[in-house]
Amino acid sequence: MNIKSINQIYQVYKNTSIAKAEKTEKASNVKDAVNISPEAKEFQTAFTSAMKAEDVREDLVSDIKQRIDDKDYVDTDALVDKIINKK
């Protein structure tokens, strides 16, 4: 086995590994940053408020339920007139 240029190969390998190490060090000095736009902040506030809001407005639902129970929700006379007079 004839190994004449082992020193040259070693030098190339050594320089390559040093260059990789330097790139890694330079990359680690860079810090990540996130900038959130004012529109995104406004959207987040609105979305949070919407998620906290109740799905059903109980005051309106209870009023309509009461009017249906009292047979006051639909004006039956007006409904009948509209049905009869429909052309």
PDB file of N, CA and C in Angstrom:
ATOM      1  N   MET A   1       0.853  -1.177   0.000  1.00  0.00           N
ATOM      2  CA  MET A   1       0.000   0.000   0.000  1.00  0.00           C
ATOM      3  C   MET A   1       0.895   1.234   0.000  1.00  0.00           C
ATOM      4  N   ASN A   2       0.613   2.128  -0.922  1.00  0.00           N
ATOM      5  CA  ASN A   2       1.442   3.308  -1.087  1.00  0.00           C
ATOM      6  C   ASN A   2       0.632   4.547  -0.712  1.00  0.00           C
ATOM      7  N   ILE A   3       1.002   5.213   0.382  1.00  0.00           N
ATOM      8  CA  ILE A   3       0.297   6.417   0.832  1.00  0.00           C
ATOM      9  C   ILE A   3       1.307   7.557   0.831  1.00  0.00           C
ATOM     10  N   LYS A   4       1.347   8.296  -0.280  1.00  0.00           N
ATOM     11  CA  LYS A   4       2.311   9.379  -0.407  1.00  0.00           C
ATOM     12  C   LYS A   4       1.699  10.729  -0.022  1.00  0.00           C
ATOM     13  N   SER A   5       0.410  10.914  -0.307  1.00  0.00           N
ATOM     14  CA  SER A   5      -0.179  12.243  -0.112  1.00  0.00           C
ATOM     15  C   SER A   5      -1.109  12.301   1.093  1.00  0.00           C
ATOM     16  N   ILE A   6      -0.822  11.542   2.121  1.00  0.00           N
ATOM     17  CA  ILE A   6      -1.693  11.549   3.297  1.00  0.00           C
ATOM     18  C   ILE A   6      -1.722  12.910   3.979  1.00  0.00           C
ATOM     19  N   ASN A   7      -0.598  13.615   3.959  1.00  0.00           N
ATOM     20  CA  ASN A   7      -0.564  14.941   4.580  1.00  0.00           C
ATOM     21  C   ASN A   7      -1.452  15.927   3.823  1.00  0.00           C
ATOM     22  N   GLN A   8      -1.469  15.833   2.498  1.00  0.00           N
ATOM     23  CA  GLN A   8      -2.321  16.723   1.709  1.00  0.00           C
ATOM     24  C   GLN A   8      -3.806  16.429   1.986  1.00  0.00           C
ATOM     25  N   ILE A   9      -4.157  15.169   2.058  1.00  0.00           N
ATOM     26  CA  ILE A   9      -5.533  14.779   2.346  1.00  0.00           C
ATOM     27  C   ILE A   9      -5.927  15.241   3.736  1.00  0.00           C
ATOM     28  N   TYR A  10      -5.027  15.084   4.677  1.00  0.00           N
ATOM     29  CA  TYR A  10      -5.299  15.508   6.045  1.00  0.00           C
ATOM     30  C   TYR A  10      -5.510  17.015   6.114  1.00  0.00           C
ATOM     31  N   GLN A  11      -4.703  17.787   5.383  1.00  0.00           N
ATOM     32  CA  GLN A  11      -4.837  19.241   5.376  1.00  0.00           C
ATOM     33  C   GLN A  11      -6.196  19.668   4.792  1.00  0.00           C
ATOM     34  N   VAL A  12      -6.623  19.016   3.726  1.00  0.00           N
ATOM     35  CA  VAL A  12      -7.923  19.336   3.124  1.00  0.00           C
ATOM     36  C   VAL A  12      -9.043  19.019   4.116  1.00  0.00           C
ATOM     37  N   TYR A  13      -8.977  17.876   4.741  1.00  0.00           N
ATOM     38  CA  TYR A  13      -9.996  17.481   5.716  1.00  0.00           C
ATOM     39  C   TYR A  13     -10.014  18.435   6.898  1.00  0.00           C
ATOM     40  N   LYS A  14      -8.819  18.811   7.387  1.00  0.00           N
ATOM     41  CA  LYS A  14      -8.695  19.706   8.538  1.00  0.00           C
ATOM     42  C   LYS A  14      -9.291  21.072   8.207  1.00  0.00           C
ATOM     43  N   ASN A  15      -8.990  21.618   7.050  1.00  0.00           N
ATOM     44  CA  ASN A  15      -9.507  22.928   6.660  1.00  0.00           C
ATOM     45  C   ASN A  15     -11.031  22.889   6.466  1.00  0.00           C
ATOM     46  N   THR A  16     -11.547  21.813   5.932  1.00  0.00           N
ATOM     47  CA  THR A  16     -12.988  21.677   5.733  1.00  0.00           C
ATOM     48  C   THR A  16     -13.712  21.640   7.066  1.00  0.00           C
ATOM     49  N   SER A  17     -13.211  20.908   8.016  1.00  0.00           N
ATOM     50  CA  SER A  17     -13.875  20.819   9.314  1.00  0.00           C
ATOM     51  C   SER A  17     -13.803  22.141  10.063  1.00  0.00           C
ATOM     52  N   ILE A  18     -12.732  22.901   9.899  1.00  0.00           N
ATOM     53  CA  ILE A  18     -12.634  24.219  10.539  1.00  0.00           C
ATOM     54  C   ILE A  18     -13.634  25.176   9.907  1.00  0.00           C
ATOM     55  N   ALA A  19     -13.780  25.130   8.596  1.00  0.00           N
ATOM     56  CA  ALA A  19     -14.743  26.001   7.915  1.00  0.00           C
ATOM     57  C   ALA A  19     -16.162  25.687   8.364  1.00  0.00           C
ATOM     58  N   LYS A  20     -16.475  24.401   8.534  1.00  0.00           N
ATOM     59  CA  LYS A  20     -17.802  24.025   9.009  1.00  0.00           C
ATOM     60  C   LYS A  20     -18.034  24.544  10.414  1.00  0.00           C
ATOM     61  N   ALA A  21     -17.038  24.467  11.263  1.00  0.00           N
ATOM     62  CA  ALA A  21     -17.164  24.948  12.636  1.00  0.00           C
ATOM     63  C   ALA A  21     -17.377  26.456  12.657  1.00  0.00           C
ATOM     64  N   GLU A  22     -16.685  27.196  11.804  1.00  0.00           N
ATOM     65  CA  GLU A  22     -16.845  28.646  11.749  1.00  0.00           C
ATOM     66  C   GLU A  22     -18.250  29.023  11.278  1.00  0.00           C
ATOM     67  N   LYS A  23     -18.784  28.292  10.283  1.00  0.00           N
ATOM     68  CA  LYS A  23     -20.137  28.561   9.819  1.00  0.00           C
ATOM     69  C   LYS A  23     -21.143  28.329  10.935  1.00  0.00           C
ATOM     70  N   THR A  24     -20.934  27.294  11.714  1.00  0.00           N
ATOM     71  CA  THR A  24     -21.840  26.982  12.809  1.00  0.00           C
ATOM     72  C   THR A  24     -21.798  28.084  13.857  1.00  0.00           C
ATOM     73  N   GLU A  25     -20.625  28.574  14.165  1.00  0.00           N
ATOM     74  CA  GLU A  25     -20.504  29.644  15.154  1.00  0.00           C
ATOM     75  C   GLU A  25     -21.186  30.912  14.662  1.00  0.00           C
ATOM     76  N   LYS A  26     -20.996  31.248  13.384  1.00  0.00           N
ATOM     77  CA  LYS A  26     -21.625  32.446  12.841  1.00  0.00           C
ATOM     78  C   LYS A  26     -23.147  32.312  12.859  1.00  0.00           C
ATOM     79  N   ALA A  27     -23.648  31.157  12.531  1.00  0.00           N
ATOM     80  CA  ALA A  27     -25.088  30.935  12.501  1.00  0.00           C
ATOM     81  C   ALA A  27     -25.687  30.983  13.902  1.00  0.00           C
ATOM     82  N   SER A  28     -24.941  30.558  14.895  1.00  0.00           N
ATOM     83  CA  SER A  28     -25.483  30.547  16.251  1.00  0.00           C
ATOM     84  C   SER A  28     -25.572  31.948  16.841  1.00  0.00           C
ATOM     85  N   ASN A  29     -24.838  32.904  16.286  1.00  0.00           N
ATOM     86  CA  ASN A  29     -24.901  34.276  16.778  1.00  0.00           C
ATOM     87  C   ASN A  29     -26.135  35.016  16.271  1.00  0.00           C
ATOM     88  N   VAL A  30     -26.784  34.483  15.256  1.00  0.00           N
ATOM     89  CA  VAL A  30     -27.978  35.105  14.700  1.00  0.00           C
ATOM     90  C   VAL A  30     -29.174  34.727  15.573  1.00  0.00           C
ATOM     91  N   LYS A  31     -29.944  35.730  15.967  1.00  0.00           N
ATOM     92  CA  LYS A  31     -31.115  35.483  16.812  1.00  0.00           C
ATOM     93  C   LYS A  31     -32.382  35.582  15.972  1.00  0.00           C
ATOM     94  N   ASP A  32     -33.315  34.698  16.257  1.00  0.00           N
ATOM     95  CA  ASP A  32     -34.599  34.726  15.572  1.00  0.00           C
ATOM     96  C   ASP A  32     -35.457  35.842  16.151  1.00  0.00           C
ATOM     97  N   ALA A  33     -36.266  36.430  15.302  1.00  0.00           N
ATOM     98  CA  ALA A  33     -37.167  37.483  15.755  1.00  0.00           C
ATOM     99  C   ALA A  33     -38.498  37.326  15.051  1.00  0.00           C
ATOM    100  N   VAL A  34     -39.559  37.653  15.760  1.00  0.00           N
ATOM    101  CA  VAL A  34     -40.908  37.603  15.192  1.00  0.00           C
ATOM    102  C   VAL A  34     -41.529  38.976  15.368  1.00  0.00           C
ATOM    103  N   ASN A  35     -42.028  39.507  14.277  1.00  0.00           N
ATOM    104  CA  ASN A  35     -42.724  40.789  14.328  1.00  0.00           C
ATOM    105  C   ASN A  35     -44.189  40.547  14.009  1.00  0.00           C
ATOM    106  N   ILE A  36     -45.057  40.918  14.937  1.00  0.00           N
ATOM    107  CA  ILE A  36     -46.489  40.722  14.755  1.00  0.00           C
ATOM    108  C   ILE A  36     -47.097  42.056  14.344  1.00  0.00           C
ATOM    109  N   SER A  37     -47.815  42.048  13.239  1.00  0.00           N
ATOM    110  CA  SER A  37     -48.397  43.276  12.709  1.00  0.00           C
ATOM    111  C   SER A  37     -49.526  43.764  13.610  1.00  0.00           C
ATOM    112  N   PRO A  38     -49.817  45.060  13.555  1.00  0.00           N
ATOM    113  CA  PRO A  38     -50.942  45.599  14.337  1.00  0.00           C
ATOM    114  C   PRO A  38     -52.272  44.960  13.954  1.00  0.00           C
ATOM    115  N   GLU A  39     -52.427  44.616  12.670  1.00  0.00           N
ATOM    116  CA  GLU A  39     -53.656  43.967  12.225  1.00  0.00           C
ATOM    117  C   GLU A  39     -53.812  42.598  12.867  1.00  0.00           C
ATOM    118  N   ALA A  40     -52.701  41.868  12.966  1.00  0.00           N
ATOM    119  CA  ALA A  40     -52.744  40.544  13.594  1.00  0.00           C
ATOM    120  C   ALA A  40     -53.070  40.662  15.076  1.00  0.00           C
ATOM    121  N   LYS A  41     -52.544  41.672  15.733  1.00  0.00           N
ATOM    122  CA  LYS A  41     -52.852  41.887  17.153  1.00  0.00           C
ATOM    123  C   LYS A  41     -54.331  42.224  17.333  1.00  0.00           C
ATOM    124  N   GLU A  42     -54.852  43.062  16.438  1.00  0.00           N
ATOM    125  CA  GLU A  42     -56.272  43.428  16.499  1.00  0.00           C
ATOM    126  C   GLU A  42     -57.149  42.203  16.256  1.00  0.00           C
ATOM    127  N   PHE A  43     -56.761  41.379  15.288  1.00  0.00           N
ATOM    128  CA  PHE A  43     -57.503  40.154  15.004  1.00  0.00           C
ATOM    129  C   PHE A  43     -57.488  39.235  16.214  1.00  0.00           C
ATOM    130  N   GLN A  44     -56.340  39.100  16.862  1.00  0.00           N
ATOM    131  CA  GLN A  44     -56.239  38.226  18.028  1.00  0.00           C
ATOM    132  C   GLN A  44     -57.155  38.717  19.151  1.00  0.00           C
ATOM    133  N   THR A  45     -57.218  40.022  19.358  1.00  0.00           N
ATOM    134  CA  THR A  45     -58.094  40.584  20.383  1.00  0.00           C
ATOM    135  C   THR A  45     -59.560  40.296  20.055  1.00  0.00           C
ATOM    136  N   ALA A  46     -59.941  40.508  18.801  1.00  0.00           N
ATOM    137  CA  ALA A  46     -61.321  40.253  18.394  1.00  0.00           C
ATOM    138  C   ALA A  46     -61.653  38.766  18.497  1.00  0.00           C
ATOM    139  N   PHE A  47     -60.723  37.921  18.093  1.00  0.00           N
ATOM    140  CA  PHE A  47     -60.949  36.478  18.147  1.00  0.00           C
ATOM    141  C   PHE A  47     -61.106  36.005  19.584  1.00  0.00           C
ATOM    142  N   THR A  48     -60.277  36.512  20.475  1.00  0.00           N
ATOM    143  CA  THR A  48     -60.364  36.134  21.890  1.00  0.00           C
ATOM    144  C   THR A  48     -61.702  36.568  22.473  1.00  0.00           C
ATOM    145  N   SER A  49     -62.134  37.769  22.137  1.00  0.00           N
ATOM    146  CA  SER A  49     -63.431  38.257  22.627  1.00  0.00           C
ATOM    147  C   SER A  49     -64.572  37.403  22.092  1.00  0.00           C
ATOM    148  N   ALA A  50     -64.501  37.042  20.841  1.00  0.00           N
ATOM    149  CA  ALA A  50     -65.555  36.224  20.242  1.00  0.00           C
ATOM    150  C   ALA A  50     -65.605  34.842  20.879  1.00  0.00           C
ATOM    151  N   MET A  51     -64.468  34.285  21.206  1.00  0.00           N
ATOM    152  CA  MET A  51     -64.438  32.958  21.820  1.00  0.00           C
ATOM    153  C   MET A  51     -64.979  32.986  23.254  1.00  0.00           C
ATOM    154  N   LYS A  52     -64.852  34.125  23.933  1.00  0.00           N
ATOM    155  CA  LYS A  52     -65.351  34.246  25.305  1.00  0.00           C
ATOM    156  C   LYS A  52     -66.849  34.530  25.342  1.00  0.00           C
ATOM    157  N   ALA A  53     -67.391  35.037  24.242  1.00  0.00           N
ATOM    158  CA  ALA A  53     -68.810  35.397  24.204  1.00  0.00           C
ATOM    159  C   ALA A  53     -69.674  34.136  24.225  1.00  0.00           C
ATOM    160  N   GLU A  54     -70.861  34.294  24.801  1.00  0.00           N
ATOM    161  CA  GLU A  54     -71.797  33.177  24.845  1.00  0.00           C
ATOM    162  C   GLU A  54     -72.360  32.926  23.456  1.00  0.00           C
ATOM    163  N   ASP A  55     -72.643  31.662  23.166  1.00  0.00           N
ATOM    164  CA  ASP A  55     -73.191  31.296  21.865  1.00  0.00           C
ATOM    165  C   ASP A  55     -74.655  31.700  21.738  1.00  0.00           C
ATOM    166  N   VAL A  56     -75.385  31.694  22.839  1.00  0.00           N
ATOM    167  CA  VAL A  56     -76.820  31.970  22.810  1.00  0.00           C
ATOM    168  C   VAL A  56     -77.107  33.145  23.738  1.00  0.00           C
ATOM    169  N   ARG A  57     -77.869  34.086  23.227  1.00  0.00           N
ATOM    170  CA  ARG A  57     -78.274  35.220  24.069  1.00  0.00           C
ATOM    171  C   ARG A  57     -79.562  34.835  24.774  1.00  0.00           C
ATOM    172  N   GLU A  58     -79.417  34.379  25.989  1.00  0.00           N
ATOM    173  CA  GLU A  58     -80.538  33.830  26.756  1.00  0.00           C
ATOM    174  C   GLU A  58     -81.673  34.823  26.947  1.00  0.00           C
ATOM    175  N   ASP A  59     -81.379  36.110  27.063  1.00  0.00           N
ATOM    176  CA  ASP A  59     -82.444  37.094  27.269  1.00  0.00           C
ATOM    177  C   ASP A  59     -83.388  37.140  26.062  1.00  0.00           C
ATOM    178  N   LEU A  60     -82.828  37.108  24.857  1.00  0.00           N
ATOM    179  CA  LEU A  60     -83.678  37.127  23.661  1.00  0.00           C
ATOM    180  C   LEU A  60     -84.428  35.811  23.488  1.00  0.00           C
ATOM    181  N   VAL A  61     -83.754  34.713  23.747  1.00  0.00           N
ATOM    182  CA  VAL A  61     -84.388  33.403  23.580  1.00  0.00           C
ATOM    183  C   VAL A  61     -85.546  33.245  24.562  1.00  0.00           C
ATOM    184  N   SER A  62     -85.332  33.634  25.810  1.00  0.00           N
ATOM    185  CA  SER A  62     -86.403  33.481  26.802  1.00  0.00           C
ATOM    186  C   SER A  62     -87.597  34.369  26.462  1.00  0.00           C
ATOM    187  N   ASP A  63     -87.346  35.576  25.926  1.00  0.00           N
ATOM    188  CA  ASP A  63     -88.444  36.472  25.530  1.00  0.00           C
ATOM    189  C   ASP A  63     -89.265  35.834  24.399  1.00  0.00           C
ATOM    190  N   ILE A  64     -88.598  35.279  23.396  1.00  0.00           N
ATOM    191  CA  ILE A  64     -89.307  34.655  22.273  1.00  0.00           C
ATOM    192  C   ILE A  64     -90.070  33.412  22.744  1.00  0.00           C
ATOM    193  N   LYS A  65     -89.447  32.624  23.608  1.00  0.00           N
ATOM    194  CA  LYS A  65     -90.140  31.433  24.132  1.00  0.00           C
ATOM    195  C   LYS A  65     -91.411  31.830  24.873  1.00  0.00           C
ATOM    196  N   GLN A  66     -91.324  32.887  25.655  1.00  0.00           N
ATOM    197  CA  GLN A  66     -92.491  33.349  26.405  1.00  0.00           C
ATOM    198  C   GLN A  66     -93.578  33.833  25.459  1.00  0.00           C
ATOM    199  N   ARG A  67     -93.204  34.556  24.405  1.00  0.00           N
ATOM    200  CA  ARG A  67     -94.191  35.052  23.445  1.00  0.00           C
ATOM    201  C   ARG A  67     -94.838  33.902  22.686  1.00  0.00           C
ATOM    202  N   ILE A  68     -94.087  32.848  22.390  1.00  0.00           N
ATOM    203  CA  ILE A  68     -94.663  31.680  21.725  1.00  0.00           C
ATOM    204  C   ILE A  68     -95.641  30.982  22.663  1.00  0.00           C
ATOM    205  N   ASP A  69     -95.261  30.832  23.925  1.00  0.00           N
ATOM    206  CA  ASP A  69     -96.155  30.198  24.899  1.00  0.00           C
ATOM    207  C   ASP A  69     -97.437  30.996  25.090  1.00  0.00           C
ATOM    208  N   ASP A  70     -97.334  32.319  25.039  1.00  0.00           N
ATOM    209  CA  ASP A  70     -98.513  33.187  25.197  1.00  0.00           C
ATOM    210  C   ASP A  70     -99.289  33.334  23.891  1.00  0.00           C
ATOM    211  N   LYS A  71     -98.823  32.666  22.845  1.00  0.00           N
ATOM    212  CA  LYS A  71     -99.423  32.745  21.508  1.00  0.00           C
ATOM    213  C   LYS A  71     -99.463  34.196  21.001  1.00  0.00           C
ATOM    214  N   ASP A  72     -98.417  34.932  21.333  1.00  0.00           N
ATOM    215  CA  ASP A  72     -98.315  36.332  20.954  1.00  0.00           C
ATOM    216  C   ASP A  72     -97.185  36.557  19.945  1.00  0.00           C
ATOM    217  N   TYR A  73     -96.463  35.512  19.607  1.00  0.00           N
ATOM    218  CA  TYR A  73     -95.308  35.666  18.736  1.00  0.00           C
ATOM    219  C   TYR A  73     -95.716  35.912  17.285  1.00  0.00           C
ATOM    220  N   VAL A  74     -96.719  35.189  16.821  1.00  0.00           N
ATOM    221  CA  VAL A  74     -97.196  35.355  15.446  1.00  0.00           C
ATOM    222  C   VAL A  74     -98.601  35.953  15.507  1.00  0.00           C
ATOM    223  N   ASP A  75     -98.794  37.017  14.757  1.00  0.00           N
ATOM    224  CA  ASP A  75    -100.126  37.621  14.647  1.00  0.00           C
ATOM    225  C   ASP A  75    -100.912  36.756  13.665  1.00  0.00           C
ATOM    226  N   THR A  76    -101.699  35.841  14.218  1.00  0.00           N
ATOM    227  CA  THR A  76    -102.390  34.859  13.378  1.00  0.00           C
ATOM    228  C   THR A  76    -103.397  35.514  12.430  1.00  0.00           C
ATOM    229  N   ASP A  77    -104.055  36.578  12.871  1.00  0.00           N
ATOM    230  CA  ASP A  77    -105.012  37.253  11.985  1.00  0.00           C
ATOM    231  C   ASP A  77    -104.305  37.828  10.758  1.00  0.00           C
ATOM    232  N   ALA A  78    -103.168  38.466  10.965  1.00  0.00           N
ATOM    233  CA  ALA A  78    -102.418  39.029   9.838  1.00  0.00           C
ATOM    234  C   ALA A  78    -101.896  37.920   8.936  1.00  0.00           C
ATOM    235  N   LEU A  79    -101.488  36.801   9.530  1.00  0.00           N
ATOM    236  CA  LEU A  79    -100.997  35.670   8.744  1.00  0.00           C
ATOM    237  C   LEU A  79    -102.107  35.089   7.871  1.00  0.00           C
ATOM    238  N   VAL A  80    -103.279  34.930   8.451  1.00  0.00           N
ATOM    239  CA  VAL A  80    -104.415  34.403   7.688  1.00  0.00           C
ATOM    240  C   VAL A  80    -104.776  35.352   6.552  1.00  0.00           C
ATOM    241  N   ASP A  81    -104.809  36.645   6.819  1.00  0.00           N
ATOM    242  CA  ASP A  81    -105.118  37.617   5.767  1.00  0.00           C
ATOM    243  C   ASP A  81    -104.109  37.533   4.623  1.00  0.00           C
ATOM    244  N   LYS A  82    -102.827  37.384   4.953  1.00  0.00           N
ATOM    245  CA  LYS A  82    -101.821  37.275   3.904  1.00  0.00           C
ATOM    246  C   LYS A  82    -101.978  36.018   3.094  1.00  0.00           C
ATOM    247  N   ILE A  83    -102.348  34.941   3.732  1.00  0.00           N
ATOM    248  CA  ILE A  83    -102.525  33.680   3.005  1.00  0.00           C
ATOM    249  C   ILE A  83    -103.737  33.746   2.080  1.00  0.00           C
ATOM    250  N   ILE A  84    -104.835  34.322   2.583  1.00  0.00           N
ATOM    251  CA  ILE A  84    -106.056  34.415   1.794  1.00  0.00           C
ATOM    252  C   ILE A  84    -105.907  35.391   0.637  1.00  0.00           C
ATOM    253  N   ASN A  85    -105.246  36.489   0.870  1.00  0.00           N
ATOM    254  CA  ASN A  85    -105.120  37.532  -0.161  1.00  0.00           C
ATOM    255  C   ASN A  85    -103.940  37.311  -1.097  1.00  0.00           C
ATOM    256  N   LYS A  86    -103.252  36.217  -0.969  1.00  0.00           N
ATOM    257  CA  LYS A  86    -102.115  35.937  -1.837  1.00  0.00           C
ATOM    258  C   LYS A  86    -102.632  35.695  -3.259  1.00  0.00           C
ATOM    259  N   LYS A  87    -102.027  36.326  -4.222  1.00  0.00           N
ATOM    260  CA  LYS A  87    -102.472  36.211  -5.619  1.00  0.00           C
ATOM    261  C   LYS A  87    -101.474  35.453  -6.424  1.00  0.00           C
TER     262      LYS A  87
END
